[in-house]
Amino acid sequence: MSQASAQYHAFIKEILQHQKVWAIKDEQGFPTSTNLSGETTMPFWSLKSRAEKIIKNVPEYCEFQLHEITLDDFLNKWLMGLEEDGLYVGGNWSGTRSTGYDLKPKEVFERIKYKRKLD
């Protein structure tokens, strides 16, 4: 399993466990990034400590603050809004380049829904 794949699986597992999702923002709002395929992604993390590590280790994010989102808000507001805006979800990006999997919001929603049924 690749590092990005492991981070994505941890993302789903941990947000279900803690019922929270973490984002980062500054005065201009929430960051996005466009990948080589031209997809624009907004990153999210499953643990506060993961988001804090990105702020600490990625120079572009050193001025950002943590933003806590309940799992219900993430499912019912954020994912719907991202889908409408044509943005992807970056789950648990990591490393000094802050990279990982970029997934369609609908895929993330369906995966969470599926995992909830199994638990």
C-alpha atoms as a PDB file:
ATOM      1  CA  MET A   1       0.000   0.000   0.000  1.00  0.00           C
ATOM      2  CA  SER A   2       1.400   3.387  -0.977  1.00  0.00           C
ATOM      3  CA  GLN A   3       1.865   6.181   1.559  1.00  0.00           C
ATOM      4  CA  ALA A   4      -0.978   8.180  -0.031  1.00  0.00           C
ATOM      5  CA  SER A   5      -3.258   5.139   0.039  1.00  0.00           C
ATOM      6  CA  ALA A   6      -2.456   4.484   3.706  1.00  0.00           C
ATOM      7  CA  GLN A   7      -3.174   8.147   4.528  1.00  0.00           C
ATOM      8  CA  TYR A   8      -6.532   7.980   2.743  1.00  0.00           C
ATOM      9  CA  HIS A   9      -7.583   4.824   4.609  1.00  0.00           C
ATOM     10  CA  ALA A  10      -6.528   6.428   7.904  1.00  0.00           C
ATOM     11  CA  PHE A  11      -8.517   9.539   6.932  1.00  0.00           C
ATOM     12  CA  ILE A  12     -11.767   7.577   6.616  1.00  0.00           C
ATOM     13  CA  LYS A  13     -11.149   5.461   9.718  1.00  0.00           C
ATOM     14  CA  GLU A  14     -10.141   8.359  11.973  1.00  0.00           C
ATOM     15  CA  ILE A  15     -12.919  10.750  10.996  1.00  0.00           C
ATOM     16  CA  LEU A  16     -15.455   8.029  11.721  1.00  0.00           C
ATOM     17  CA  GLN A  17     -13.771   7.301  15.044  1.00  0.00           C
ATOM     18  CA  HIS A  18     -13.525  10.939  16.194  1.00  0.00           C
ATOM     19  CA  GLN A  19     -16.513  12.402  14.306  1.00  0.00           C
ATOM     20  CA  LYS A  20     -14.397  15.402  13.242  1.00  0.00           C
ATOM     21  CA  VAL A  21     -12.542  16.659  10.205  1.00  0.00           C
ATOM     22  CA  TRP A  22      -9.857  19.336  10.266  1.00  0.00           C
ATOM     23  CA  ALA A  23      -9.128  22.039   7.708  1.00  0.00           C
ATOM     24  CA  ILE A  24      -6.781  25.000   7.725  1.00  0.00           C
ATOM     25  CA  LYS A  25      -7.499  28.585   6.778  1.00  0.00           C
ATOM     26  CA  ASP A  26      -6.066  32.094   6.745  1.00  0.00           C
ATOM     27  CA  GLU A  27      -7.498  35.572   6.105  1.00  0.00           C
ATOM     28  CA  GLN A  28      -8.217  34.646   2.478  1.00  0.00           C
ATOM     29  CA  GLY A  29     -10.017  31.438   3.404  1.00  0.00           C
ATOM     30  CA  PHE A  30      -9.304  27.769   2.858  1.00  0.00           C
ATOM     31  CA  PRO A  31      -6.410  26.727   0.617  1.00  0.00           C
ATOM     32  CA  THR A  32      -6.779  24.815  -2.627  1.00  0.00           C
ATOM     33  CA  SER A  33      -4.208  23.309  -4.929  1.00  0.00           C
ATOM     34  CA  THR A  34      -4.361  22.281  -8.572  1.00  0.00           C
ATOM     35  CA  ASN A  35      -2.700  18.967  -9.429  1.00  0.00           C
ATOM     36  CA  LEU A  36      -1.006  17.916 -12.682  1.00  0.00           C
ATOM     37  CA  SER A  37      -4.350  16.621 -14.018  1.00  0.00           C
ATOM     38  CA  GLY A  38      -5.885  20.080 -13.583  1.00  0.00           C
ATOM     39  CA  GLU A  39      -8.114  19.053 -10.659  1.00  0.00           C
ATOM     40  CA  THR A  40      -8.449  21.614  -7.887  1.00  0.00           C
ATOM     41  CA  THR A  41      -8.414  20.111  -4.420  1.00  0.00           C
ATOM     42  CA  MET A  42      -9.100  21.343  -0.896  1.00  0.00           C
ATOM     43  CA  PRO A  43      -7.151  19.466   1.795  1.00  0.00           C
ATOM     44  CA  PHE A  44      -8.648  18.028   4.977  1.00  0.00           C
ATOM     45  CA  TRP A  45      -7.190  15.998   7.840  1.00  0.00           C
ATOM     46  CA  SER A  46      -8.678  13.411  10.147  1.00  0.00           C
ATOM     47  CA  LEU A  47      -6.774  14.473  13.263  1.00  0.00           C
ATOM     48  CA  LYS A  48      -5.899  17.843  14.736  1.00  0.00           C
ATOM     49  CA  SER A  49      -2.279  16.664  15.098  1.00  0.00           C
ATOM     50  CA  ARG A  50      -2.053  15.890  11.359  1.00  0.00           C
ATOM     51  CA  ALA A  51      -3.241  19.391  10.425  1.00  0.00           C
ATOM     52  CA  GLU A  52      -0.903  20.955  12.999  1.00  0.00           C
ATOM     53  CA  LYS A  53       2.019  19.066  11.461  1.00  0.00           C
ATOM     54  CA  ILE A  54       1.235  20.517   8.018  1.00  0.00           C
ATOM     55  CA  ILE A  55       1.105  24.061   9.429  1.00  0.00           C
ATOM     56  CA  LYS A  56       4.429  23.472  11.168  1.00  0.00           C
ATOM     57  CA  ASN A  57       6.267  21.718   8.307  1.00  0.00           C
ATOM     58  CA  VAL A  58       4.950  23.329   5.099  1.00  0.00           C
ATOM     59  CA  PRO A  59       6.188  26.910   4.675  1.00  0.00           C
ATOM     60  CA  GLU A  60       3.199  27.948   2.517  1.00  0.00           C
ATOM     61  CA  TYR A  61       0.856  27.061   5.395  1.00  0.00           C
ATOM     62  CA  CYS A  62       2.829  28.498   8.348  1.00  0.00           C
ATOM     63  CA  GLU A  63       0.363  31.386   8.816  1.00  0.00           C
ATOM     64  CA  PHE A  64      -2.748  29.191   8.659  1.00  0.00           C
ATOM     65  CA  GLN A  65      -5.013  28.344  11.597  1.00  0.00           C
ATOM     66  CA  LEU A  66      -6.875  25.144  12.404  1.00  0.00           C
ATOM     67  CA  HIS A  67     -10.564  24.859  11.581  1.00  0.00           C
ATOM     68  CA  GLU A  68     -12.626  22.057  13.152  1.00  0.00           C
ATOM     69  CA  ILE A  69     -15.585  20.595  11.238  1.00  0.00           C
ATOM     70  CA  THR A  70     -18.057  18.107  12.667  1.00  0.00           C
ATOM     71  CA  LEU A  71     -18.479  14.941  10.646  1.00  0.00           C
ATOM     72  CA  ASP A  72     -22.157  15.754  10.080  1.00  0.00           C
ATOM     73  CA  ASP A  73     -21.278  19.195   8.669  1.00  0.00           C
ATOM     74  CA  PHE A  74     -18.547  17.658   6.530  1.00  0.00           C
ATOM     75  CA  LEU A  75     -20.975  15.114   5.069  1.00  0.00           C
ATOM     76  CA  ASN A  76     -24.023  17.342   4.688  1.00  0.00           C
ATOM     77  CA  LYS A  77     -22.523  20.740   3.874  1.00  0.00           C
ATOM     78  CA  TRP A  78     -18.858  20.613   2.912  1.00  0.00           C
ATOM     79  CA  LEU A  79     -18.895  17.609   0.579  1.00  0.00           C
ATOM     80  CA  MET A  80     -22.038  18.861  -1.165  1.00  0.00           C
ATOM     81  CA  GLY A  81     -20.506  22.304  -1.614  1.00  0.00           C
ATOM     82  CA  LEU A  82     -17.224  20.905  -2.905  1.00  0.00           C
ATOM     83  CA  GLU A  83     -19.114  18.728  -5.379  1.00  0.00           C
ATOM     84  CA  GLU A  84     -21.129  21.719  -6.608  1.00  0.00           C
ATOM     85  CA  ASP A  85     -17.940  23.775  -6.990  1.00  0.00           C
ATOM     86  CA  GLY A  86     -16.137  20.993  -8.867  1.00  0.00           C
ATOM     87  CA  LEU A  87     -13.450  20.671  -6.196  1.00  0.00           C
ATOM     88  CA  TYR A  88     -11.806  17.483  -4.990  1.00  0.00           C
ATOM     89  CA  VAL A  89     -11.081  16.349  -1.420  1.00  0.00           C
ATOM     90  CA  GLY A  90      -7.461  15.921  -0.372  1.00  0.00           C
ATOM     91  CA  GLY A  91      -7.433  13.424   2.491  1.00  0.00           C
ATOM     92  CA  ASN A  92      -4.629  13.563   5.061  1.00  0.00           C
ATOM     93  CA  TRP A  93      -2.067  15.213   2.829  1.00  0.00           C
ATOM     94  CA  SER A  94       1.355  14.803   4.376  1.00  0.00           C
ATOM     95  CA  GLY A  95       5.036  15.592   3.975  1.00  0.00           C
ATOM     96  CA  THR A  96       6.832  18.845   3.323  1.00  0.00           C
ATOM     97  CA  ARG A  97       5.115  19.103  -0.071  1.00  0.00           C
ATOM     98  CA  SER A  98       1.697  18.370   1.467  1.00  0.00           C
ATOM     99  CA  THR A  99       0.581  15.702  -0.993  1.00  0.00           C
ATOM    100  CA  GLY A 100      -1.776  12.744  -1.027  1.00  0.00           C
ATOM    101  CA  TYR A 101      -4.899  11.361  -2.667  1.00  0.00           C
ATOM    102  CA  ASP A 102      -7.370  13.679  -4.378  1.00  0.00           C
ATOM    103  CA  LEU A 103     -10.879  12.241  -4.545  1.00  0.00           C
ATOM    104  CA  LYS A 104     -14.258  13.395  -5.734  1.00  0.00           C
ATOM    105  CA  PRO A 105     -16.467  14.471  -2.810  1.00  0.00           C
ATOM    106  CA  LYS A 106     -19.124  11.959  -3.852  1.00  0.00           C
ATOM    107  CA  GLU A 107     -16.563   9.131  -3.589  1.00  0.00           C
ATOM    108  CA  VAL A 108     -15.582  10.254  -0.083  1.00  0.00           C
ATOM    109  CA  PHE A 109     -19.253  10.497   0.930  1.00  0.00           C
ATOM    110  CA  GLU A 110     -19.992   6.997  -0.397  1.00  0.00           C
ATOM    111  CA  ARG A 111     -16.910   5.523   1.306  1.00  0.00           C
ATOM    112  CA  ILE A 112     -17.877   7.016   4.671  1.00  0.00           C
ATOM    113  CA  LYS A 113     -21.460   5.834   4.240  1.00  0.00           C
ATOM    114  CA  TYR A 114     -20.245   2.315   3.381  1.00  0.00           C
ATOM    115  CA  LYS A 115     -17.826   2.163   6.348  1.00  0.00           C
ATOM    116  CA  ARG A 116     -20.574   3.376   8.707  1.00  0.00           C
ATOM    117  CA  LYS A 117     -22.719   0.413   7.663  1.00  0.00           C
ATOM    118  CA  LEU A 118     -19.886  -2.014   8.418  1.00  0.00           C
ATOM    119  CA  ASP A 119     -19.266  -0.643  11.902  1.00  0.00           C
END
